[in-house]
Protein backbone atom coordinates (compact mmCIF):
# COMPACT_ATOMS: atom_id res chain seq x y z
CA UNK A 1 0.00 0.00 0.00
CA UNK A 2 2.66 2.51 1.02
CA UNK A 3 4.95 1.35 -1.78
CA UNK A 4 2.18 1.99 -4.30
CA UNK A 5 1.51 5.43 -2.80
CA UNK A 6 5.21 6.29 -2.89
CA UNK A 7 5.41 5.16 -6.50
CA UNK A 8 2.47 7.39 -7.42
CA UNK A 9 4.01 10.36 -5.65
CA UNK A 10 7.32 9.83 -7.47
CA UNK A 11 5.48 9.57 -10.77
CA UNK A 12 3.61 12.81 -10.07
CA UNK A 13 6.87 14.54 -9.19
CA UNK A 14 8.47 13.34 -12.42
CA UNK A 15 5.51 14.61 -14.45
CA UNK A 16 5.71 18.01 -12.76
CA UNK A 17 9.43 18.24 -13.58
CA UNK A 18 8.82 17.29 -17.20
CA UNK A 19 6.06 19.89 -17.42
CA UNK A 20 8.35 22.62 -16.09
CA UNK A 21 11.04 21.72 -18.62
CA UNK A 22 8.54 21.79 -21.46
CA UNK A 23 7.15 25.15 -20.33
CA UNK A 24 10.69 26.55 -20.27
CA UNK A 25 10.94 26.17 -24.03
CA UNK A 26 7.57 27.75 -24.85
CA UNK A 27 7.72 31.47 -25.71
CA UNK A 28 4.58 33.57 -25.19
CA UNK A 29 4.33 37.09 -26.61
CA UNK A 30 2.27 40.01 -25.37
CA UNK A 31 2.00 43.59 -26.55
CA UNK A 32 0.47 46.91 -25.60
CA UNK A 33 0.00 50.32 -27.14
CA UNK A 34 -0.69 48.93 -30.62
CA UNK A 35 2.61 47.08 -30.59
CA UNK A 36 4.69 49.91 -29.13
CA UNK A 37 5.58 47.70 -26.13
CA UNK A 38 6.26 43.97 -26.63
CA UNK A 39 7.14 41.35 -24.01
CA UNK A 40 8.24 37.73 -24.52
CA UNK A 41 8.15 35.25 -21.63
CA UNK A 42 8.57 31.50 -21.25
CA UNK A 43 5.77 29.26 -20.07
CA UNK A 44 7.62 29.23 -16.74
CA UNK A 45 6.98 32.98 -16.48
CA UNK A 46 10.56 34.04 -17.14
CA UNK A 47 10.87 37.27 -19.11
CA UNK A 48 13.05 36.78 -22.18
CA UNK A 49 12.69 40.09 -24.03
CA UNK A 50 11.10 43.51 -23.85
CA UNK A 51 10.87 45.89 -26.77
CA UNK A 52 9.78 49.54 -26.47
CA UNK A 53 9.17 51.78 -29.46
CA UNK A 54 11.50 54.81 -29.54
CA UNK A 55 8.52 57.17 -29.70
CA UNK A 56 7.77 56.35 -26.05
CA UNK A 57 11.09 57.61 -24.66
CA UNK A 58 14.37 59.34 -25.33
CA UNK A 59 16.41 57.11 -27.67
CA UNK A 60 19.58 57.38 -25.56
CA UNK A 61 17.76 55.83 -22.56
CA UNK A 62 16.06 52.99 -24.47
CA UNK A 63 18.50 50.17 -23.61
CA UNK A 64 18.75 51.20 -19.97
CA UNK A 65 14.97 51.28 -19.60
CA UNK A 66 14.61 47.86 -21.24
CA UNK A 67 17.19 46.34 -18.87
CA UNK A 68 15.47 47.84 -15.83
CA UNK A 69 12.08 46.60 -16.96
CA UNK A 70 13.41 43.06 -17.42
CA UNK A 71 14.96 43.09 -13.94
CA UNK A 72 11.82 44.43 -12.27
CA UNK A 73 9.54 42.03 -14.11
CA UNK A 74 11.70 39.00 -13.31
CA UNK A 75 11.74 39.93 -9.63
CA UNK A 76 7.96 40.27 -9.58
CA UNK A 77 7.55 36.98 -11.43
CA UNK A 78 9.95 35.24 -9.03
CA UNK A 79 7.95 36.53 -6.09
CA UNK A 80 4.77 35.25 -7.70
CA UNK A 81 6.39 31.86 -8.23
CA UNK A 82 7.56 31.74 -4.60
CA UNK A 83 4.04 32.50 -3.40
CA UNK A 84 2.63 29.80 -5.70
CA UNK A 85 5.11 27.22 -4.40
CA UNK A 86 4.38 28.13 -0.80
CA UNK A 87 0.67 27.70 -1.43
CA UNK A 88 1.26 24.32 -3.09
CA UNK A 89 3.35 23.16 -0.11
CA UNK A 90 0.44 23.93 2.15
CA UNK A 91 -1.92 22.00 -0.07
CA UNK A 92 0.44 19.03 -0.33
CA UNK A 93 0.90 18.99 3.45
CA UNK A 94 -2.85 19.02 3.89
CA UNK A 95 -3.26 16.12 1.48
CA UNK A 96 -0.56 14.04 3.18
CA UNK A 97 -1.99 14.81 6.61
CA UNK A 98 -5.36 13.59 5.42
CA UNK A 99 -3.73 10.29 4.49
CA UNK A 100 -2.54 9.80 8.05
CA UNK A 101 1.17 10.38 7.19
PDB file of N, CA and C in Angstrom:
ATOM      1  N   UNK A   1       0.818  -1.193   0.000  1.00  0.00           N
ATOM      2  CA  UNK A   1       0.000   0.000   0.000  1.00  0.00           C
ATOM      3  C   UNK A   1       0.862   1.258   0.000  1.00  0.00           C
ATOM      4  N   UNK A   2       1.808   1.320   0.961  1.00  0.00           N
ATOM      5  CA  UNK A   2       2.658   2.508   1.020  1.00  0.00           C
ATOM      6  C   UNK A   2       3.621   2.566  -0.158  1.00  0.00           C
ATOM      7  N   UNK A   3       4.075   1.390  -0.611  1.00  0.00           N
ATOM      8  CA  UNK A   3       4.952   1.353  -1.781  1.00  0.00           C
ATOM      9  C   UNK A   3       4.252   1.875  -3.002  1.00  0.00           C
ATOM     10  N   UNK A   4       2.974   1.513  -3.166  1.00  0.00           N
ATOM     11  CA  UNK A   4       2.184   1.992  -4.300  1.00  0.00           C
ATOM     12  C   UNK A   4       1.978   3.503  -4.210  1.00  0.00           C
ATOM     13  N   UNK A   5       1.714   3.991  -3.002  1.00  0.00           N
ATOM     14  CA  UNK A   5       1.512   5.428  -2.804  1.00  0.00           C
ATOM     15  C   UNK A   5       2.799   6.193  -3.110  1.00  0.00           C
ATOM     16  N   UNK A   6       3.928   5.657  -2.636  1.00  0.00           N
ATOM     17  CA  UNK A   6       5.214   6.291  -2.890  1.00  0.00           C
ATOM     18  C   UNK A   6       5.509   6.315  -4.386  1.00  0.00           C
ATOM     19  N   UNK A   7       5.200   5.234  -5.048  1.00  0.00           N
ATOM     20  CA  UNK A   7       5.414   5.159  -6.496  1.00  0.00           C
ATOM     21  C   UNK A   7       4.583   6.213  -7.222  1.00  0.00           C
ATOM     22  N   UNK A   8       3.336   6.388  -6.795  1.00  0.00           N
ATOM     23  CA  UNK A   8       2.466   7.388  -7.422  1.00  0.00           C
ATOM     24  C   UNK A   8       2.964   8.804  -7.159  1.00  0.00           C
ATOM     25  N   UNK A   9       3.466   9.045  -5.963  1.00  0.00           N
ATOM     26  CA  UNK A   9       4.008  10.364  -5.653  1.00  0.00           C
ATOM     27  C   UNK A   9       5.255  10.662  -6.484  1.00  0.00           C
ATOM     28  N   UNK A  10       6.120   9.656  -6.650  1.00  0.00           N
ATOM     29  CA  UNK A  10       7.317   9.830  -7.466  1.00  0.00           C
ATOM     30  C   UNK A  10       6.947  10.079  -8.922  1.00  0.00           C
ATOM     31  N   UNK A  11       5.943   9.377  -9.396  1.00  0.00           N
ATOM     32  CA  UNK A  11       5.479   9.570 -10.770  1.00  0.00           C
ATOM     33  C   UNK A  11       4.925  10.979 -10.968  1.00  0.00           C
ATOM     34  N   UNK A  12       4.150  11.454  -9.996  1.00  0.00           N
ATOM     35  CA  UNK A  12       3.606  12.808 -10.074  1.00  0.00           C
ATOM     36  C   UNK A  12       4.718  13.843 -10.072  1.00  0.00           C
ATOM     37  N   UNK A  13       5.741  13.620  -9.240  1.00  0.00           N
ATOM     38  CA  UNK A  13       6.873  14.544  -9.185  1.00  0.00           C
ATOM     39  C   UNK A  13       7.606  14.578 -10.522  1.00  0.00           C
ATOM     40  N   UNK A  14       7.803  13.425 -11.125  1.00  0.00           N
ATOM     41  CA  UNK A  14       8.471  13.343 -12.424  1.00  0.00           C
ATOM     42  C   UNK A  14       7.671  14.096 -13.493  1.00  0.00           C
ATOM     43  N   UNK A  15       6.360  13.920 -13.466  1.00  0.00           N
ATOM     44  CA  UNK A  15       5.514  14.611 -14.446  1.00  0.00           C
ATOM     45  C   UNK A  15       5.568  16.123 -14.261  1.00  0.00           C
ATOM     46  N   UNK A  16       5.608  16.575 -13.010  1.00  0.00           N
ATOM     47  CA  UNK A  16       5.711  18.015 -12.759  1.00  0.00           C
ATOM     48  C   UNK A  16       7.031  18.561 -13.291  1.00  0.00           C
ATOM     49  N   UNK A  17       8.121  17.820 -13.100  1.00  0.00           N
ATOM     50  CA  UNK A  17       9.433  18.245 -13.581  1.00  0.00           C
ATOM     51  C   UNK A  17       9.447  18.312 -15.106  1.00  0.00           C
ATOM     52  N   UNK A  18       8.884  17.304 -15.743  1.00  0.00           N
ATOM     53  CA  UNK A  18       8.820  17.290 -17.205  1.00  0.00           C
ATOM     54  C   UNK A  18       7.996  18.461 -17.725  1.00  0.00           C
ATOM     55  N   UNK A  19       6.901  18.759 -17.032  1.00  0.00           N
ATOM     56  CA  UNK A  19       6.064  19.889 -17.425  1.00  0.00           C
ATOM     57  C   UNK A  19       6.796  21.211 -17.323  1.00  0.00           C
ATOM     58  N   UNK A  20       7.581  21.381 -16.251  1.00  0.00           N
ATOM     59  CA  UNK A  20       8.354  22.619 -16.087  1.00  0.00           C
ATOM     60  C   UNK A  20       9.395  22.770 -17.190  1.00  0.00           C
ATOM     61  N   UNK A  21      10.045  21.664 -17.544  1.00  0.00           N
ATOM     62  CA  UNK A  21      11.044  21.721 -18.615  1.00  0.00           C
ATOM     63  C   UNK A  21      10.390  22.081 -19.945  1.00  0.00           C
ATOM     64  N   UNK A  22       9.255  21.487 -20.213  1.00  0.00           N
ATOM     65  CA  UNK A  22       8.538  21.789 -21.457  1.00  0.00           C
ATOM     66  C   UNK A  22       8.120  23.255 -21.498  1.00  0.00           C
ATOM     67  N   UNK A  23       7.577  23.748 -20.397  1.00  0.00           N
ATOM     68  CA  UNK A  23       7.152  25.146 -20.334  1.00  0.00           C
ATOM     69  C   UNK A  23       8.318  26.108 -20.513  1.00  0.00           C
ATOM     70  N   UNK A  24       9.516  25.692 -20.121  1.00  0.00           N
ATOM     71  CA  UNK A  24      10.685  26.549 -20.267  1.00  0.00           C
ATOM     72  C   UNK A  24      11.060  26.824 -21.703  1.00  0.00           C
ATOM     73  N   UNK A  25      10.607  25.973 -22.620  1.00  0.00           N
ATOM     74  CA  UNK A  25      10.937  26.167 -24.034  1.00  0.00           C
ATOM     75  C   UNK A  25       9.817  26.848 -24.824  1.00  0.00           C
ATOM     76  N   UNK A  26       8.690  27.099 -24.185  1.00  0.00           N
ATOM     77  CA  UNK A  26       7.566  27.754 -24.847  1.00  0.00           C
ATOM     78  C   UNK A  26       7.704  29.267 -24.675  1.00  0.00           C
ATOM     79  N   UNK A  27       7.643  30.009 -25.774  1.00  0.00           N
ATOM     80  CA  UNK A  27       7.716  31.470 -25.712  1.00  0.00           C
ATOM     81  C   UNK A  27       6.326  32.041 -25.980  1.00  0.00           C
ATOM     82  N   UNK A  28       5.892  32.933 -25.088  1.00  0.00           N
ATOM     83  CA  UNK A  28       4.584  33.568 -25.189  1.00  0.00           C
ATOM     84  C   UNK A  28       4.805  35.066 -25.339  1.00  0.00           C
ATOM     85  N   UNK A  29       4.171  35.662 -26.348  1.00  0.00           N
ATOM     86  CA  UNK A  29       4.331  37.091 -26.611  1.00  0.00           C
ATOM     87  C   UNK A  29       3.103  37.863 -26.147  1.00  0.00           C
ATOM     88  N   UNK A  30       3.335  39.085 -25.715  1.00  0.00           N
ATOM     89  CA  UNK A  30       2.269  40.010 -25.374  1.00  0.00           C
ATOM     90  C   UNK A  30       2.664  41.398 -25.829  1.00  0.00           C
ATOM     91  N   UNK A  31       1.684  42.222 -26.122  1.00  0.00           N
ATOM     92  CA  UNK A  31       2.004  43.591 -26.550  1.00  0.00           C
ATOM     93  C   UNK A  31       0.974  44.565 -26.034  1.00  0.00           C
ATOM     94  N   UNK A  32       1.348  45.828 -26.043  1.00  0.00           N
ATOM     95  CA  UNK A  32       0.472  46.908 -25.598  1.00  0.00           C
ATOM     96  C   UNK A  32       0.740  48.135 -26.454  1.00  0.00           C
ATOM     97  N   UNK A  33      -0.190  49.070 -26.398  1.00  0.00           N
ATOM     98  CA  UNK A  33      -0.001  50.320 -27.139  1.00  0.00           C
ATOM     99  C   UNK A  33       0.124  50.096 -28.636  1.00  0.00           C
ATOM    100  N   UNK A  34      -0.737  49.234 -29.185  1.00  0.00           N
ATOM    101  CA  UNK A  34      -0.694  48.934 -30.621  1.00  0.00           C
ATOM    102  C   UNK A  34       0.687  48.471 -31.070  1.00  0.00           C
ATOM    103  N   UNK A  35       1.311  47.649 -30.246  1.00  0.00           N
ATOM    104  CA  UNK A  35       2.614  47.084 -30.588  1.00  0.00           C
ATOM    105  C   UNK A  35       3.803  47.935 -30.198  1.00  0.00           C
ATOM    106  N   UNK A  36       3.572  49.052 -29.530  1.00  0.00           N
ATOM    107  CA  UNK A  36       4.690  49.907 -29.127  1.00  0.00           C
ATOM    108  C   UNK A  36       5.501  49.282 -27.998  1.00  0.00           C
ATOM    109  N   UNK A  37       4.879  48.423 -27.192  1.00  0.00           N
ATOM    110  CA  UNK A  37       5.580  47.702 -26.134  1.00  0.00           C
ATOM    111  C   UNK A  37       5.306  46.218 -26.335  1.00  0.00           C
ATOM    112  N   UNK A  38       6.386  45.410 -26.432  1.00  0.00           N
ATOM    113  CA  UNK A  38       6.256  43.966 -26.633  1.00  0.00           C
ATOM    114  C   UNK A  38       7.067  43.233 -25.575  1.00  0.00           C
ATOM    115  N   UNK A  39       6.491  42.155 -25.041  1.00  0.00           N
ATOM    116  CA  UNK A  39       7.141  41.352 -24.013  1.00  0.00           C
ATOM    117  C   UNK A  39       7.070  39.890 -24.423  1.00  0.00           C
ATOM    118  N   UNK A  40       8.193  39.172 -24.275  1.00  0.00           N
ATOM    119  CA  UNK A  40       8.240  37.732 -24.522  1.00  0.00           C
ATOM    120  C   UNK A  40       8.640  37.038 -23.233  1.00  0.00           C
ATOM    121  N   UNK A  41       7.865  36.014 -22.832  1.00  0.00           N
ATOM    122  CA  UNK A  41       8.148  35.252 -21.625  1.00  0.00           C
ATOM    123  C   UNK A  41       8.070  33.765 -21.945  1.00  0.00           C
ATOM    124  N   UNK A  42       8.701  32.942 -21.099  1.00  0.00           N
ATOM    125  CA  UNK A  42       8.570  31.497 -21.247  1.00  0.00           C
ATOM    126  C   UNK A  42       7.300  31.051 -20.530  1.00  0.00           C
ATOM    127  N   UNK A  43       6.911  29.820 -20.773  1.00  0.00           N
ATOM    128  CA  UNK A  43       5.773  29.256 -20.069  1.00  0.00           C
ATOM    129  C   UNK A  43       6.012  29.136 -18.580  1.00  0.00           C
ATOM    130  N   UNK A  44       7.270  29.225 -18.164  1.00  0.00           N
ATOM    131  CA  UNK A  44       7.620  29.229 -16.739  1.00  0.00           C
ATOM    132  C   UNK A  44       7.642  30.635 -16.166  1.00  0.00           C
ATOM    133  N   UNK A  45       7.111  31.583 -16.907  1.00  0.00           N
ATOM    134  CA  UNK A  45       6.980  32.982 -16.480  1.00  0.00           C
ATOM    135  C   UNK A  45       8.312  33.687 -16.302  1.00  0.00           C
ATOM    136  N   UNK A  46       9.275  33.350 -17.137  1.00  0.00           N
ATOM    137  CA  UNK A  46      10.564  34.038 -17.135  1.00  0.00           C
ATOM    138  C   UNK A  46      10.584  34.997 -18.325  1.00  0.00           C
ATOM    139  N   UNK A  47      10.830  36.270 -18.047  1.00  0.00           N
ATOM    140  CA  UNK A  47      10.868  37.272 -19.108  1.00  0.00           C
ATOM    141  C   UNK A  47      12.117  37.060 -19.952  1.00  0.00           C
ATOM    142  N   UNK A  48      11.935  36.990 -21.264  1.00  0.00           N
ATOM    143  CA  UNK A  48      13.050  36.782 -22.179  1.00  0.00           C
ATOM    144  C   UNK A  48      13.396  38.048 -22.957  1.00  0.00           C
ATOM    145  N   UNK A  49      12.410  38.878 -23.239  1.00  0.00           N
ATOM    146  CA  UNK A  49      12.692  40.086 -24.025  1.00  0.00           C
ATOM    147  C   UNK A  49      11.598  41.121 -23.813  1.00  0.00           C
ATOM    148  N   UNK A  50      12.019  42.382 -23.880  1.00  0.00           N
ATOM    149  CA  UNK A  50      11.096  43.513 -23.854  1.00  0.00           C
ATOM    150  C   UNK A  50      11.539  44.469 -24.942  1.00  0.00           C
ATOM    151  N   UNK A  51      10.590  44.926 -25.714  1.00  0.00           N
ATOM    152  CA  UNK A  51      10.873  45.890 -26.774  1.00  0.00           C
ATOM    153  C   UNK A  51       9.956  47.093 -26.593  1.00  0.00           C
ATOM    154  N   UNK A  52      10.546  48.301 -26.639  1.00  0.00           N
ATOM    155  CA  UNK A  52       9.782  49.539 -26.475  1.00  0.00           C
ATOM    156  C   UNK A  52      10.075  50.436 -27.670  1.00  0.00           C
ATOM    157  N   UNK A  53       9.035  50.894 -28.316  1.00  0.00           N
ATOM    158  CA  UNK A  53       9.175  51.783 -29.460  1.00  0.00           C
ATOM    159  C   UNK A  53       9.848  53.088 -29.036  1.00  0.00           C
ATOM    160  N   UNK A  54      10.758  53.577 -29.857  1.00  0.00           N
ATOM    161  CA  UNK A  54      11.497  54.810 -29.544  1.00  0.00           C
ATOM    162  C   UNK A  54      10.596  56.018 -29.314  1.00  0.00           C
ATOM    163  N   UNK A  55       9.416  56.024 -29.874  1.00  0.00           N
ATOM    164  CA  UNK A  55       8.521  57.167 -29.698  1.00  0.00           C
ATOM    165  C   UNK A  55       8.062  57.334 -28.250  1.00  0.00           C
ATOM    166  N   UNK A  56       8.222  56.289 -27.435  1.00  0.00           N
ATOM    167  CA  UNK A  56       7.773  56.349 -26.047  1.00  0.00           C
ATOM    168  C   UNK A  56       8.810  56.923 -25.090  1.00  0.00           C
ATOM    169  N   UNK A  57      10.036  57.141 -25.565  1.00  0.00           N
ATOM    170  CA  UNK A  57      11.090  57.611 -24.663  1.00  0.00           C
ATOM    171  C   UNK A  57      12.237  58.224 -25.446  1.00  0.00           C
ATOM    172  N   UNK A  58      13.172  58.792 -24.697  1.00  0.00           N
ATOM    173  CA  UNK A  58      14.368  59.345 -25.331  1.00  0.00           C
ATOM    174  C   UNK A  58      15.219  58.182 -25.834  1.00  0.00           C
ATOM    175  N   UNK A  59      15.646  58.223 -27.090  1.00  0.00           N
ATOM    176  CA  UNK A  59      16.408  57.110 -27.665  1.00  0.00           C
ATOM    177  C   UNK A  59      17.679  56.742 -26.905  1.00  0.00           C
ATOM    178  N   UNK A  60      18.337  57.704 -26.267  1.00  0.00           N
ATOM    179  CA  UNK A  60      19.576  57.385 -25.562  1.00  0.00           C
ATOM    180  C   UNK A  60      19.341  56.641 -24.234  1.00  0.00           C
ATOM    181  N   UNK A  61      18.104  56.552 -23.786  1.00  0.00           N
ATOM    182  CA  UNK A  61      17.757  55.833 -22.559  1.00  0.00           C
ATOM    183  C   UNK A  61      17.047  54.501 -22.832  1.00  0.00           C
ATOM    184  N   UNK A  62      16.844  54.169 -24.093  1.00  0.00           N
ATOM    185  CA  UNK A  62      16.065  52.988 -24.470  1.00  0.00           C
ATOM    186  C   UNK A  62      16.634  51.696 -23.888  1.00  0.00           C
ATOM    187  N   UNK A  63      17.902  51.419 -24.083  1.00  0.00           N
ATOM    188  CA  UNK A  63      18.503  50.167 -23.607  1.00  0.00           C
ATOM    189  C   UNK A  63      18.485  50.080 -22.078  1.00  0.00           C
ATOM    190  N   UNK A  64      18.775  51.177 -21.423  1.00  0.00           N
ATOM    191  CA  UNK A  64      18.754  51.197 -19.965  1.00  0.00           C
ATOM    192  C   UNK A  64      17.351  50.898 -19.438  1.00  0.00           C
ATOM    193  N   UNK A  65      16.344  51.507 -20.014  1.00  0.00           N
ATOM    194  CA  UNK A  65      14.966  51.280 -19.598  1.00  0.00           C
ATOM    195  C   UNK A  65      14.557  49.829 -19.826  1.00  0.00           C
ATOM    196  N   UNK A  66      14.927  49.258 -20.971  1.00  0.00           N
ATOM    197  CA  UNK A  66      14.606  47.856 -21.245  1.00  0.00           C
ATOM    198  C   UNK A  66      15.243  46.931 -20.204  1.00  0.00           C
ATOM    199  N   UNK A  67      16.502  47.169 -19.870  1.00  0.00           N
ATOM    200  CA  UNK A  67      17.187  46.343 -18.869  1.00  0.00           C
ATOM    201  C   UNK A  67      16.511  46.449 -17.501  1.00  0.00           C
ATOM    202  N   UNK A  68      16.143  47.655 -17.115  1.00  0.00           N
ATOM    203  CA  UNK A  68      15.474  47.843 -15.832  1.00  0.00           C
ATOM    204  C   UNK A  68      14.104  47.178 -15.803  1.00  0.00           C
ATOM    205  N   UNK A  69      13.389  47.244 -16.886  1.00  0.00           N
ATOM    206  CA  UNK A  69      12.080  46.601 -16.955  1.00  0.00           C
ATOM    207  C   UNK A  69      12.207  45.082 -16.834  1.00  0.00           C
ATOM    208  N   UNK A  70      13.197  44.504 -17.502  1.00  0.00           N
ATOM    209  CA  UNK A  70      13.412  43.059 -17.417  1.00  0.00           C
ATOM    210  C   UNK A  70      13.719  42.660 -15.978  1.00  0.00           C
ATOM    211  N   UNK A  71      14.598  43.397 -15.331  1.00  0.00           N
ATOM    212  CA  UNK A  71      14.960  43.091 -13.944  1.00  0.00           C
ATOM    213  C   UNK A  71      13.744  43.170 -13.022  1.00  0.00           C
ATOM    214  N   UNK A  72      12.989  44.244 -13.128  1.00  0.00           N
ATOM    215  CA  UNK A  72      11.815  44.426 -12.274  1.00  0.00           C
ATOM    216  C   UNK A  72      10.757  43.355 -12.540  1.00  0.00           C
ATOM    217  N   UNK A  73      10.529  43.049 -13.778  1.00  0.00           N
ATOM    218  CA  UNK A  73       9.536  42.028 -14.109  1.00  0.00           C
ATOM    219  C   UNK A  73       9.968  40.648 -13.617  1.00  0.00           C
ATOM    220  N   UNK A  74      11.229  40.307 -13.785  1.00  0.00           N
ATOM    221  CA  UNK A  74      11.704  39.003 -13.305  1.00  0.00           C
ATOM    222  C   UNK A  74      11.594  38.889 -11.786  1.00  0.00           C
ATOM    223  N   UNK A  75      11.876  39.968 -11.089  1.00  0.00           N
ATOM    224  CA  UNK A  75      11.742  39.931  -9.631  1.00  0.00           C
ATOM    225  C   UNK A  75      10.282  39.722  -9.232  1.00  0.00           C
ATOM    226  N   UNK A  76       9.390  40.422  -9.886  1.00  0.00           N
ATOM    227  CA  UNK A  76       7.963  40.266  -9.584  1.00  0.00           C
ATOM    228  C   UNK A  76       7.493  38.857  -9.920  1.00  0.00           C
ATOM    229  N   UNK A  77       7.935  38.330 -11.044  1.00  0.00           N
ATOM    230  CA  UNK A  77       7.546  36.980 -11.427  1.00  0.00           C
ATOM    231  C   UNK A  77       8.119  35.937 -10.482  1.00  0.00           C
ATOM    232  N   UNK A  78       9.329  36.149 -10.002  1.00  0.00           N
ATOM    233  CA  UNK A  78       9.948  35.237  -9.034  1.00  0.00           C
ATOM    234  C   UNK A  78       9.156  35.247  -7.732  1.00  0.00           C
ATOM    235  N   UNK A  79       8.761  36.438  -7.302  1.00  0.00           N
ATOM    236  CA  UNK A  79       7.953  36.532  -6.085  1.00  0.00           C
ATOM    237  C   UNK A  79       6.617  35.814  -6.258  1.00  0.00           C
ATOM    238  N   UNK A  80       6.024  35.941  -7.424  1.00  0.00           N
ATOM    239  CA  UNK A  80       4.768  35.246  -7.697  1.00  0.00           C
ATOM    240  C   UNK A  80       4.976  33.737  -7.677  1.00  0.00           C
ATOM    241  N   UNK A  81       6.075  33.281  -8.237  1.00  0.00           N
ATOM    242  CA  UNK A  81       6.393  31.856  -8.231  1.00  0.00           C
ATOM    243  C   UNK A  81       6.619  31.356  -6.813  1.00  0.00           C
ATOM    244  N   UNK A  82       7.334  32.117  -5.992  1.00  0.00           N
ATOM    245  CA  UNK A  82       7.564  31.735  -4.599  1.00  0.00           C
ATOM    246  C   UNK A  82       6.237  31.607  -3.842  1.00  0.00           C
ATOM    247  N   UNK A  83       5.344  32.553  -4.068  1.00  0.00           N
ATOM    248  CA  UNK A  83       4.039  32.505  -3.404  1.00  0.00           C
ATOM    249  C   UNK A  83       3.246  31.286  -3.873  1.00  0.00           C
ATOM    250  N   UNK A  84       3.318  30.976  -5.146  1.00  0.00           N
ATOM    251  CA  UNK A  84       2.635  29.803  -5.696  1.00  0.00           C
ATOM    252  C   UNK A  84       3.178  28.520  -5.061  1.00  0.00           C
ATOM    253  N   UNK A  85       4.497  28.411  -4.986  1.00  0.00           N
ATOM    254  CA  UNK A  85       5.105  27.220  -4.402  1.00  0.00           C
ATOM    255  C   UNK A  85       4.755  27.083  -2.923  1.00  0.00           C
ATOM    256  N   UNK A  86       4.736  28.172  -2.222  1.00  0.00           N
ATOM    257  CA  UNK A  86       4.384  28.131  -0.800  1.00  0.00           C
ATOM    258  C   UNK A  86       2.944  27.653  -0.626  1.00  0.00           C
ATOM    259  N   UNK A  87       2.073  28.123  -1.478  1.00  0.00           N
ATOM    260  CA  UNK A  87       0.668  27.696  -1.433  1.00  0.00           C
ATOM    261  C   UNK A  87       0.550  26.203  -1.732  1.00  0.00           C
ATOM    262  N   UNK A  88       1.296  25.734  -2.708  1.00  0.00           N
ATOM    263  CA  UNK A  88       1.255  24.320  -3.087  1.00  0.00           C
ATOM    264  C   UNK A  88       1.800  23.437  -1.960  1.00  0.00           C
ATOM    265  N   UNK A  89       2.819  23.915  -1.250  1.00  0.00           N
ATOM    266  CA  UNK A  89       3.354  23.162  -0.110  1.00  0.00           C
ATOM    267  C   UNK A  89       2.272  22.964   0.936  1.00  0.00           C
ATOM    268  N   UNK A  90       1.526  24.024   1.191  1.00  0.00           N
ATOM    269  CA  UNK A  90       0.438  23.932   2.154  1.00  0.00           C
ATOM    270  C   UNK A  90      -0.614  22.930   1.717  1.00  0.00           C
ATOM    271  N   UNK A  91      -0.942  22.946   0.442  1.00  0.00           N
ATOM    272  CA  UNK A  91      -1.923  21.996  -0.073  1.00  0.00           C
ATOM    273  C   UNK A  91      -1.404  20.573   0.007  1.00  0.00           C
ATOM    274  N   UNK A  92      -0.151  20.378  -0.365  1.00  0.00           N
ATOM    275  CA  UNK A  92       0.441  19.033  -0.327  1.00  0.00           C
ATOM    276  C   UNK A  92       0.497  18.529   1.108  1.00  0.00           C
ATOM    277  N   UNK A  93       0.859  19.388   2.047  1.00  0.00           N
ATOM    278  CA  UNK A  93       0.899  18.993   3.448  1.00  0.00           C
ATOM    279  C   UNK A  93      -0.482  18.609   3.949  1.00  0.00           C
ATOM    280  N   UNK A  94      -1.485  19.343   3.521  1.00  0.00           N
ATOM    281  CA  UNK A  94      -2.853  19.016   3.893  1.00  0.00           C
ATOM    282  C   UNK A  94      -3.297  17.685   3.328  1.00  0.00           C
ATOM    283  N   UNK A  95      -2.899  17.398   2.095  1.00  0.00           N
ATOM    284  CA  UNK A  95      -3.264  16.123   1.476  1.00  0.00           C
ATOM    285  C   UNK A  95      -2.579  14.976   2.203  1.00  0.00           C
ATOM    286  N   UNK A  96      -1.289  15.125   2.500  1.00  0.00           N
ATOM    287  CA  UNK A  96      -0.559  14.038   3.179  1.00  0.00           C
ATOM    288  C   UNK A  96      -1.085  13.831   4.585  1.00  0.00           C
ATOM    289  N   UNK A  97      -1.432  14.912   5.271  1.00  0.00           N
ATOM    290  CA  UNK A  97      -1.990  14.808   6.613  1.00  0.00           C
ATOM    291  C   UNK A  97      -3.314  14.057   6.599  1.00  0.00           C
ATOM    292  N   UNK A  98      -4.087  14.272   5.562  1.00  0.00           N
ATOM    293  CA  UNK A  98      -5.363  13.587   5.420  1.00  0.00           C
ATOM    294  C   UNK A  98      -5.189  12.099   5.168  1.00  0.00           C
ATOM    295  N   UNK A  99      -4.000  11.697   4.718  1.00  0.00           N
ATOM    296  CA  UNK A  99      -3.732  10.287   4.490  1.00  0.00           C
ATOM    297  C   UNK A  99      -3.203   9.599   5.736  1.00  0.00           C
ATOM    298  N   UNK A 100      -3.042  10.367   6.808  1.00  0.00           N
ATOM    299  CA  UNK A 100      -2.538   9.797   8.055  1.00  0.00           C
ATOM    300  C   UNK A 100      -1.030   9.674   8.098  1.00  0.00           C
ATOM    301  N   UNK A 101      -0.305  10.440   7.228  1.00  0.00           N
ATOM    302  CA  UNK A 101       1.167  10.385   7.190  1.00  0.00           C
ATOM    303  C   UNK A 101       1.768  11.464   8.053  1.00  0.00           C
TER     304      UNK A 101
END
